[in-house]
Amino acid sequence: MFKAFWESSDIEINGDDVLQKGIRVNLFHLFNSAGRDGKDELWSERSDR
């Protein structure tokens, strides 16, 4: 799941490692906030899963 996400969504910043890490952290959080169905968070604590 994450491999496909990074292959299609990664943004590479050359020459600025801090900015690169910041971009990737934010992409990761954006991905997690949408979840698999686009409605719920990926790591939701709902009991029906």
C-alpha atoms as a PDB file:
ATOM      1  CA  MET A   1       0.000   0.000   0.000  1.00  0.00           C
ATOM      2  CA  PHE A   2       2.677   2.523   0.951  1.00  0.00           C
ATOM      3  CA  LYS A   3       4.955   1.511  -1.908  1.00  0.00           C
ATOM      4  CA  ALA A   4       2.305   2.438  -4.483  1.00  0.00           C
ATOM      5  CA  PHE A   5       1.620   5.707  -2.667  1.00  0.00           C
ATOM      6  CA  TRP A   6       5.283   6.768  -2.647  1.00  0.00           C
ATOM      7  CA  GLU A   7       5.806   5.721  -6.267  1.00  0.00           C
ATOM      8  CA  SER A   8       2.975   7.980  -7.410  1.00  0.00           C
ATOM      9  CA  SER A   9       3.175  10.818  -4.868  1.00  0.00           C
ATOM     10  CA  ASP A  10       6.776  11.386  -3.788  1.00  0.00           C
ATOM     11  CA  ILE A  11       8.211  14.846  -4.376  1.00  0.00           C
ATOM     12  CA  GLU A  12      12.006  15.045  -4.481  1.00  0.00           C
ATOM     13  CA  ILE A  13      13.819  18.201  -3.365  1.00  0.00           C
ATOM     14  CA  ASN A  14      17.510  18.244  -4.282  1.00  0.00           C
ATOM     15  CA  GLY A  15      19.956  20.107  -2.063  1.00  0.00           C
ATOM     16  CA  ASP A  16      17.707  20.652   0.970  1.00  0.00           C
ATOM     17  CA  ASP A  17      17.378  17.574   3.189  1.00  0.00           C
ATOM     18  CA  VAL A  18      15.283  19.360   5.829  1.00  0.00           C
ATOM     19  CA  LEU A  19      12.745  20.510   3.242  1.00  0.00           C
ATOM     20  CA  GLN A  20      12.719  17.008   1.694  1.00  0.00           C
ATOM     21  CA  LYS A  21      11.876  15.409   5.044  1.00  0.00           C
ATOM     22  CA  GLY A  22       9.195  18.008   5.731  1.00  0.00           C
ATOM     23  CA  ILE A  23       7.524  17.407   2.372  1.00  0.00           C
ATOM     24  CA  ARG A  24       7.525  13.640   2.908  1.00  0.00           C
ATOM     25  CA  VAL A  25       6.160  13.897   6.449  1.00  0.00           C
ATOM     26  CA  ASN A  26       3.325  16.088   5.217  1.00  0.00           C
ATOM     27  CA  LEU A  27       2.561  13.761   2.292  1.00  0.00           C
ATOM     28  CA  PHE A  28       2.450  10.831   4.719  1.00  0.00           C
ATOM     29  CA  HIS A  29      -0.008  12.643   7.002  1.00  0.00           C
ATOM     30  CA  LEU A  30      -2.144  13.713   4.054  1.00  0.00           C
ATOM     31  CA  PHE A  31      -2.296  10.106   2.842  1.00  0.00           C
ATOM     32  CA  ASN A  32      -3.249   8.846   6.307  1.00  0.00           C
ATOM     33  CA  SER A  33      -5.952  11.465   6.756  1.00  0.00           C
ATOM     34  CA  ALA A  34      -7.830  10.260   3.667  1.00  0.00           C
ATOM     35  CA  GLY A  35      -7.796   6.532   4.391  1.00  0.00           C
ATOM     36  CA  ARG A  36      -8.475   3.754   1.937  1.00  0.00           C
ATOM     37  CA  ASP A  37     -12.033   4.717   1.099  1.00  0.00           C
ATOM     38  CA  GLY A  38     -11.394   8.471   1.034  1.00  0.00           C
ATOM     39  CA  LYS A  39     -13.709   8.996   4.012  1.00  0.00           C
ATOM     40  CA  ASP A  40     -12.119   7.519   7.132  1.00  0.00           C
ATOM     41  CA  GLU A  41      -8.621   7.851   8.488  1.00  0.00           C
ATOM     42  CA  LEU A  42      -6.365   4.914   7.668  1.00  0.00           C
ATOM     43  CA  TRP A  43      -5.506   4.373  11.326  1.00  0.00           C
ATOM     44  CA  SER A  44      -9.008   5.024  12.628  1.00  0.00           C
ATOM     45  CA  GLU A  45      -9.780   3.558  16.034  1.00  0.00           C
ATOM     46  CA  ARG A  46     -13.302   2.552  15.092  1.00  0.00           C
ATOM     47  CA  SER A  47     -14.271  -0.792  16.622  1.00  0.00           C
ATOM     48  CA  ASP A  48     -16.071  -2.106  13.520  1.00  0.00           C
ATOM     49  CA  ARG A  49     -12.846  -2.733  11.597  1.00  0.00           C
END
